[in-house]
Each structure stands twice: as C-alpha cells, then as structure tokens.
Amino acid sequence: MVLSKGVVPQLVKEITSTDDFYRLGKELALQSGLAHKGDVVVMVSGALVPSGTTNTASVHVL
C-alpha cells in the first residue's frame, strides 16, 4: 500500500467491530490533518484470522 500515491496506512490497536473501524478511521484522518471535513476517503481492512472473515473496502465522506 505504501507504493500507492495518497495511501497512508495507520496501525491501531485491536478493533472489535466495523463501526469502531469506521469511527476511528474518520477520527484519525481528521485529527492528523490528512483529510478535512467534506473529503472523500476510502477505508480498507482485512483480517488474517479467524478463517472466514471478510476483507472490506468502503468509501466515506467526512
């Protein structure tokens, strides 16, 4: 991902739900100054374990 223009990965502690993932991602984007209110962001996540989990990509307006 670091080779893609405009992609800034963020490592966070364990997240227990997709709602937490989206909330925290939006907060980090705004607090870091990487994005501003009204910007469009793409949030991507994936899990190695447990088996059967789903990778996601979603588009959000801050």
C-alpha atoms as a PDB file:
ATOM      1  CA  MET A   1       0.000   0.000   0.000  1.00  0.00           C
ATOM      2  CA  VAL A   2       2.829   2.459   0.635  1.00  0.00           C
ATOM      3  CA  LEU A   3       3.658   2.392  -3.068  1.00  0.00           C
ATOM      4  CA  SER A   4       0.252   3.817  -3.968  1.00  0.00           C
ATOM      5  CA  LYS A   5       0.003   7.596  -4.206  1.00  0.00           C
ATOM      6  CA  GLY A   6      -2.075   9.088  -1.432  1.00  0.00           C
ATOM      7  CA  VAL A   7      -2.260   5.921   0.679  1.00  0.00           C
ATOM      8  CA  VAL A   8      -1.274   6.443   4.313  1.00  0.00           C
ATOM      9  CA  PRO A   9      -1.550   3.264   6.398  1.00  0.00           C
ATOM     10  CA  GLN A  10      -2.342   3.614  10.097  1.00  0.00           C
ATOM     11  CA  LEU A  11      -1.705   0.914  12.686  1.00  0.00           C
ATOM     12  CA  VAL A  12      -4.175   0.862  15.567  1.00  0.00           C
ATOM     13  CA  LYS A  13      -4.949  -1.442  18.460  1.00  0.00           C
ATOM     14  CA  GLU A  14      -7.464  -4.230  18.009  1.00  0.00           C
ATOM     15  CA  ILE A  15     -10.854  -3.092  16.763  1.00  0.00           C
ATOM     16  CA  THR A  16     -13.860  -5.175  17.761  1.00  0.00           C
ATOM     17  CA  SER A  17     -16.427  -4.050  15.188  1.00  0.00           C
ATOM     18  CA  THR A  18     -16.729  -2.462  11.769  1.00  0.00           C
ATOM     19  CA  ASP A  19     -18.489   0.509  13.378  1.00  0.00           C
ATOM     20  CA  ASP A  20     -15.402   1.091  15.565  1.00  0.00           C
ATOM     21  CA  PHE A  21     -13.169   0.753  12.493  1.00  0.00           C
ATOM     22  CA  TYR A  22     -15.070   3.406  10.543  1.00  0.00           C
ATOM     23  CA  ARG A  23     -15.361   5.771  13.523  1.00  0.00           C
ATOM     24  CA  LEU A  24     -11.666   5.528  14.401  1.00  0.00           C
ATOM     25  CA  GLY A  25     -10.567   5.816  10.777  1.00  0.00           C
ATOM     26  CA  LYS A  26     -12.535   9.008  10.289  1.00  0.00           C
ATOM     27  CA  GLU A  27     -11.204  10.465  13.553  1.00  0.00           C
ATOM     28  CA  LEU A  28      -7.585   9.664  12.619  1.00  0.00           C
ATOM     29  CA  ALA A  29      -7.967  11.151   9.140  1.00  0.00           C
ATOM     30  CA  LEU A  30      -9.353  14.406  10.528  1.00  0.00           C
ATOM     31  CA  GLN A  31      -7.039  14.696  13.568  1.00  0.00           C
ATOM     32  CA  SER A  32      -3.894  14.034  11.536  1.00  0.00           C
ATOM     33  CA  GLY A  33      -4.779  16.719   9.014  1.00  0.00           C
ATOM     34  CA  LEU A  34      -4.553  14.224   6.156  1.00  0.00           C
ATOM     35  CA  ALA A  35      -8.222  14.821   5.365  1.00  0.00           C
ATOM     36  CA  HIS A  36     -10.735  17.557   6.037  1.00  0.00           C
ATOM     37  CA  LYS A  37     -14.481  17.743   6.524  1.00  0.00           C
ATOM     38  CA  GLY A  38     -16.172  17.022   3.192  1.00  0.00           C
ATOM     39  CA  ASP A  39     -13.245  14.989   1.806  1.00  0.00           C
ATOM     40  CA  VAL A  40     -13.871  11.549   0.337  1.00  0.00           C
ATOM     41  CA  VAL A  41     -11.794   8.741   1.877  1.00  0.00           C
ATOM     42  CA  VAL A  42     -11.525   5.027   1.144  1.00  0.00           C
ATOM     43  CA  MET A  43     -11.136   2.769   4.167  1.00  0.00           C
ATOM     44  CA  VAL A  44      -9.735  -0.725   3.667  1.00  0.00           C
ATOM     45  CA  SER A  45      -9.381  -3.536   6.193  1.00  0.00           C
ATOM     46  CA  GLY A  46      -8.617  -7.213   6.233  1.00  0.00           C
ATOM     47  CA  ALA A  47      -8.022  -9.963   8.744  1.00  0.00           C
ATOM     48  CA  LEU A  48      -5.700 -12.939   8.654  1.00  0.00           C
ATOM     49  CA  VAL A  49      -7.565 -14.852  11.339  1.00  0.00           C
ATOM     50  CA  PRO A  50     -10.068 -16.274  12.052  1.00  0.00           C
ATOM     51  CA  SER A  51     -10.858 -18.134   8.883  1.00  0.00           C
ATOM     52  CA  GLY A  52     -13.998 -16.935   7.145  1.00  0.00           C
ATOM     53  CA  THR A  53     -13.560 -13.244   7.891  1.00  0.00           C
ATOM     54  CA  THR A  54     -14.220 -10.731   5.149  1.00  0.00           C
ATOM     55  CA  ASN A  55     -11.908  -8.071   3.712  1.00  0.00           C
ATOM     56  CA  THR A  56     -13.633  -4.745   3.173  1.00  0.00           C
ATOM     57  CA  ALA A  57     -13.226  -1.516   1.245  1.00  0.00           C
ATOM     58  CA  SER A  58     -15.673   1.335   1.708  1.00  0.00           C
ATOM     59  CA  VAL A  59     -15.984   4.963   0.617  1.00  0.00           C
ATOM     60  CA  HIS A  60     -16.880   7.661   3.153  1.00  0.00           C
ATOM     61  CA  VAL A  61     -17.435  11.418   3.105  1.00  0.00           C
ATOM     62  CA  LEU A  62     -16.009  13.043   6.227  1.00  0.00           C
END
